[in-house]
C-alpha atoms as a PDB file:
ATOM      1  CA  UNK A   1     110.611  85.541 120.759  1.00  0.00           C
ATOM      2  CA  UNK A   2     108.099  86.456 118.372  1.00  0.00           C
ATOM      3  CA  UNK A   3     106.689  90.218 117.559  1.00  0.00           C
ATOM      4  CA  UNK A   4     103.250  91.110 118.527  1.00  0.00           C
ATOM      5  CA  UNK A   5     101.094  91.327 115.342  1.00  0.00           C
ATOM      6  CA  UNK A   6      99.834  94.784 116.789  1.00  0.00           C
ATOM      7  CA  UNK A   7     103.696  95.909 115.945  1.00  0.00           C
ATOM      8  CA  UNK A   8     103.478  95.044 112.477  1.00  0.00           C
ATOM      9  CA  UNK A   9     100.127  96.897 112.251  1.00  0.00           C
ATOM     10  CA  UNK A  10     101.908 100.033 113.836  1.00  0.00           C
ATOM     11  CA  UNK A  11     104.473  99.844 111.360  1.00  0.00           C
ATOM     12  CA  UNK A  12     102.397  99.699 108.283  1.00  0.00           C
ATOM     13  CA  UNK A  13     100.078 102.018 109.675  1.00  0.00           C
ATOM     14  CA  UNK A  14     102.925 104.571 110.074  1.00  0.00           C
ATOM     15  CA  UNK A  15     104.201 104.092 106.745  1.00  0.00           C
ATOM     16  CA  UNK A  16     100.871 104.578 105.223  1.00  0.00           C
ATOM     17  CA  UNK A  17     100.372 107.893 106.863  1.00  0.00           C
ATOM     18  CA  UNK A  18     103.960 108.958 106.026  1.00  0.00           C
ATOM     19  CA  UNK A  19     102.800 107.684 102.281  1.00  0.00           C
ATOM     20  CA  UNK A  20      99.849 109.755 102.339  1.00  0.00           C
ATOM     21  CA  UNK A  21     101.896 112.805 103.726  1.00  0.00           C
ATOM     22  CA  UNK A  22     104.288 112.229 100.784  1.00  0.00           C
ATOM     23  CA  UNK A  23     101.280 112.148  98.238  1.00  0.00           C
ATOM     24  CA  UNK A  24      99.444 114.934  99.589  1.00  0.00           C
ATOM     25  CA  UNK A  25     102.419 117.060  99.391  1.00  0.00           C
ATOM     26  CA  UNK A  26     103.084 115.786  95.719  1.00  0.00           C
ATOM     27  CA  UNK A  27      98.994 116.477  94.957  1.00  0.00           C
ATOM     28  CA  UNK A  28      99.878 120.320  96.007  1.00  0.00           C
ATOM     29  CA  UNK A  29     103.341 120.544  94.429  1.00  0.00           C
ATOM     30  CA  UNK A  30     102.451 119.182  90.799  1.00  0.00           C
ATOM     31  CA  UNK A  31      98.631 119.272  90.734  1.00  0.00           C
ATOM     32  CA  UNK A  32      97.634 122.380  92.583  1.00  0.00           C
ATOM     33  CA  UNK A  33      95.122 120.374  94.407  1.00  0.00           C
ATOM     34  CA  UNK A  34      93.498 123.249  96.613  1.00  0.00           C
ATOM     35  CA  UNK A  35      91.334 121.082  98.853  1.00  0.00           C
ATOM     36  CA  UNK A  36      94.684 120.248 100.628  1.00  0.00           C
ATOM     37  CA  UNK A  37      96.810 122.827 102.796  1.00  0.00           C
ATOM     38  CA  UNK A  38      98.950 125.223 100.408  1.00  0.00           C
ATOM     39  CA  UNK A  39     102.553 124.156  99.480  1.00  0.00           C
ATOM     40  CA  UNK A  40     104.229 126.621 102.264  1.00  0.00           C
ATOM     41  CA  UNK A  41     102.285 124.118 105.010  1.00  0.00           C
ATOM     42  CA  UNK A  42     103.739 121.248 104.073  1.00  0.00           C
ATOM     43  CA  UNK A  43     107.381 121.697 104.581  1.00  0.00           C
ATOM     44  CA  UNK A  44     109.673 123.752 106.211  1.00  0.00           C
ATOM     45  CA  UNK A  45     111.822 124.908 103.196  1.00  0.00           C
ATOM     46  CA  UNK A  46     115.118 123.802 104.888  1.00  0.00           C
ATOM     47  CA  UNK A  47     115.704 121.596 101.661  1.00  0.00           C
ATOM     48  CA  UNK A  48     114.293 122.520  98.151  1.00  0.00           C
ATOM     49  CA  UNK A  49     111.345 119.991  97.206  1.00  0.00           C
ATOM     50  CA  UNK A  50     113.069 118.658  93.967  1.00  0.00           C
ATOM     51  CA  UNK A  51     115.774 117.103  96.613  1.00  0.00           C
ATOM     52  CA  UNK A  52     112.933 116.480  99.697  1.00  0.00           C
ATOM     53  CA  UNK A  53     110.757 114.458  97.173  1.00  0.00           C
ATOM     54  CA  UNK A  54     113.429 111.812  96.118  1.00  0.00           C
ATOM     55  CA  UNK A  55     114.431 111.606  99.940  1.00  0.00           C
ATOM     56  CA  UNK A  56     111.224 110.612 100.991  1.00  0.00           C
ATOM     57  CA  UNK A  57     110.456 108.391  98.173  1.00  0.00           C
ATOM     58  CA  UNK A  58     113.779 106.559  99.368  1.00  0.00           C
ATOM     59  CA  UNK A  59     112.360 106.582 102.807  1.00  0.00           C
ATOM     60  CA  UNK A  60     109.278 105.016 101.833  1.00  0.00           C
ATOM     61  CA  UNK A  61     111.244 102.112 100.172  1.00  0.00           C
ATOM     62  CA  UNK A  62     113.461 101.707 103.275  1.00  0.00           C
ATOM     63  CA  UNK A  63     110.301 101.604 105.303  1.00  0.00           C
ATOM     64  CA  UNK A  64     108.416  99.272 103.418  1.00  0.00           C
ATOM     65  CA  UNK A  65     111.408  96.960 103.103  1.00  0.00           C
ATOM     66  CA  UNK A  66     111.907  97.173 107.282  1.00  0.00           C
ATOM     67  CA  UNK A  67     107.873  96.684 107.539  1.00  0.00           C
ATOM     68  CA  UNK A  68     107.781  93.315 105.046  1.00  0.00           C
ATOM     69  CA  UNK A  69     110.984  91.820 107.027  1.00  0.00           C
ATOM     70  CA  UNK A  70     109.159  92.413 110.186  1.00  0.00           C
ATOM     71  CA  UNK A  71     105.577  90.655 108.786  1.00  0.00           C
ATOM     72  CA  UNK A  72     107.837  87.754 107.346  1.00  0.00           C
ATOM     73  CA  UNK A  73     109.932  87.673 110.714  1.00  0.00           C
ATOM     74  CA  UNK A  74     112.889  87.390 108.720  1.00  0.00           C
ATOM     75  CA  UNK A  75     115.244  89.303 106.840  1.00  0.00           C
ATOM     76  CA  UNK A  76     118.297  92.356 107.157  1.00  0.00           C
ATOM     77  CA  UNK A  77     115.830  94.367 109.364  1.00  0.00           C
ATOM     78  CA  UNK A  78     114.026  91.882 111.223  1.00  0.00           C
ATOM     79  CA  UNK A  79     117.390  90.186 112.730  1.00  0.00           C
ATOM     80  CA  UNK A  80     117.921  91.191 116.472  1.00  0.00           C
ATOM     81  CA  UNK A  81     120.563  93.931 115.892  1.00  0.00           C
ATOM     82  CA  UNK A  82     122.583  95.313 118.968  1.00  0.00           C
ATOM     83  CA  UNK A  83     122.829  98.492 116.897  1.00  0.00           C
ATOM     84  CA  UNK A  84     119.211  99.452 116.413  1.00  0.00           C
ATOM     85  CA  UNK A  85     118.208  98.174 119.785  1.00  0.00           C
ATOM     86  CA  UNK A  86     120.641 100.891 121.315  1.00  0.00           C
ATOM     87  CA  UNK A  87     121.916 103.930 118.727  1.00  0.00           C
ATOM     88  CA  UNK A  88     118.943 103.249 116.678  1.00  0.00           C
ATOM     89  CA  UNK A  89     116.663 103.353 119.481  1.00  0.00           C
ATOM     90  CA  UNK A  90     118.233 106.547 121.150  1.00  0.00           C
ATOM     91  CA  UNK A  91     118.085 108.243 117.746  1.00  0.00           C
ATOM     92  CA  UNK A  92     114.415 107.760 117.635  1.00  0.00           C
ATOM     93  CA  UNK A  93     114.264 109.356 120.966  1.00  0.00           C
ATOM     94  CA  UNK A  94     116.478 112.078 120.381  1.00  0.00           C
ATOM     95  CA  UNK A  95     114.670 112.849 116.924  1.00  0.00           C
ATOM     96  CA  UNK A  96     111.356 112.819 118.841  1.00  0.00           C
ATOM     97  CA  UNK A  97     112.414 115.126 121.506  1.00  0.00           C
ATOM     98  CA  UNK A  98     113.791 117.596 119.231  1.00  0.00           C
ATOM     99  CA  UNK A  99     110.540 117.846 117.106  1.00  0.00           C
ATOM    100  CA  UNK A 100     108.424 118.161 120.238  1.00  0.00           C
ATOM    101  CA  UNK A 101     110.885 121.119 121.330  1.00  0.00           C
ATOM    102  CA  UNK A 102     110.683 122.350 117.849  1.00  0.00           C
ATOM    103  CA  UNK A 103     106.899 122.454 117.869  1.00  0.00           C
ATOM    104  CA  UNK A 104     107.009 123.756 121.449  1.00  0.00           C
ATOM    105  CA  UNK A 105     109.138 126.687 120.860  1.00  0.00           C
ATOM    106  CA  UNK A 106     108.199 127.423 117.221  1.00  0.00           C
ATOM    107  CA  UNK A 107     104.624 126.762 117.049  1.00  0.00           C
ATOM    108  CA  UNK A 108     104.474 126.481 113.532  1.00  0.00           C
ATOM    109  CA  UNK A 109     104.631 124.223 110.562  1.00  0.00           C
ATOM    110  CA  UNK A 110     102.407 121.172 112.552  1.00  0.00           C
ATOM    111  CA  UNK A 111     102.072 119.270 109.114  1.00  0.00           C
ATOM    112  CA  UNK A 112     106.005 118.775 108.809  1.00  0.00           C
ATOM    113  CA  UNK A 113     106.387 118.143 112.347  1.00  0.00           C
ATOM    114  CA  UNK A 114     103.383 115.929 113.180  1.00  0.00           C
ATOM    115  CA  UNK A 115     105.010 113.676 110.228  1.00  0.00           C
ATOM    116  CA  UNK A 116     108.688 114.196 111.574  1.00  0.00           C
ATOM    117  CA  UNK A 117     106.472 112.408 115.093  1.00  0.00           C
ATOM    118  CA  UNK A 118     105.326 109.623 112.996  1.00  0.00           C
ATOM    119  CA  UNK A 119     108.793 108.890 111.765  1.00  0.00           C
ATOM    120  CA  UNK A 120     110.356 108.843 115.475  1.00  0.00           C
ATOM    121  CA  UNK A 121     107.730 106.194 116.047  1.00  0.00           C
ATOM    122  CA  UNK A 122     108.486 104.355 113.750  1.00  0.00           C
ATOM    123  CA  UNK A 123     112.511 104.409 114.216  1.00  0.00           C
ATOM    124  CA  UNK A 124     111.375 104.018 118.473  1.00  0.00           C
ATOM    125  CA  UNK A 125     109.327 100.786 117.611  1.00  0.00           C
ATOM    126  CA  UNK A 126     111.760  99.143 115.573  1.00  0.00           C
ATOM    127  CA  UNK A 127     114.129  99.710 117.846  1.00  0.00           C
ATOM    128  CA  UNK A 128     112.197  98.877 120.912  1.00  0.00           C
ATOM    129  CA  UNK A 129     111.401  95.407 118.988  1.00  0.00           C
ATOM    130  CA  UNK A 130     115.196  94.665 118.175  1.00  0.00           C
ATOM    131  CA  UNK A 131     115.828  95.547 122.476  1.00  0.00           C
ATOM    132  CA  UNK A 132     113.149  93.377 123.614  1.00  0.00           C
ATOM    133  CA  UNK A 133     114.288  90.524 121.442  1.00  0.00           C
ATOM    134  CA  UNK A 134     117.816  90.920 122.405  1.00  0.00           C
ATOM    135  CA  UNK A 135     117.267  90.615 125.765  1.00  0.00           C
ATOM    136  CA  UNK A 136     114.626  87.779 125.633  1.00  0.00           C
END
């Protein structure tokens, strides 16, 4: 069963949003860009930026590989996997629920929370695709 081209567009759009987030934060951190929100608005401070940025870049590389595999309809991340159809999907739902609750309770730091929603949506979309193709 083939995936809809809308899925590929969604995955690439979610990746693009995350790339813009990482780029925006880097512009503020390294170049002091003033037309963007200040640094404290971009992240919660739970992880120092010196570790956060490399982790975000690795995540971008991983997401780009997933998007490429889905667009080509072949590759490691495209081949239907029960793990992604079950545990990956449930992780995405749990991740989204926790981030929704975090926002509802704390009502602060909307930029990082919104982009956690973007990442959760990416994980859920991939998991749903794997689930749908395994059931077919």
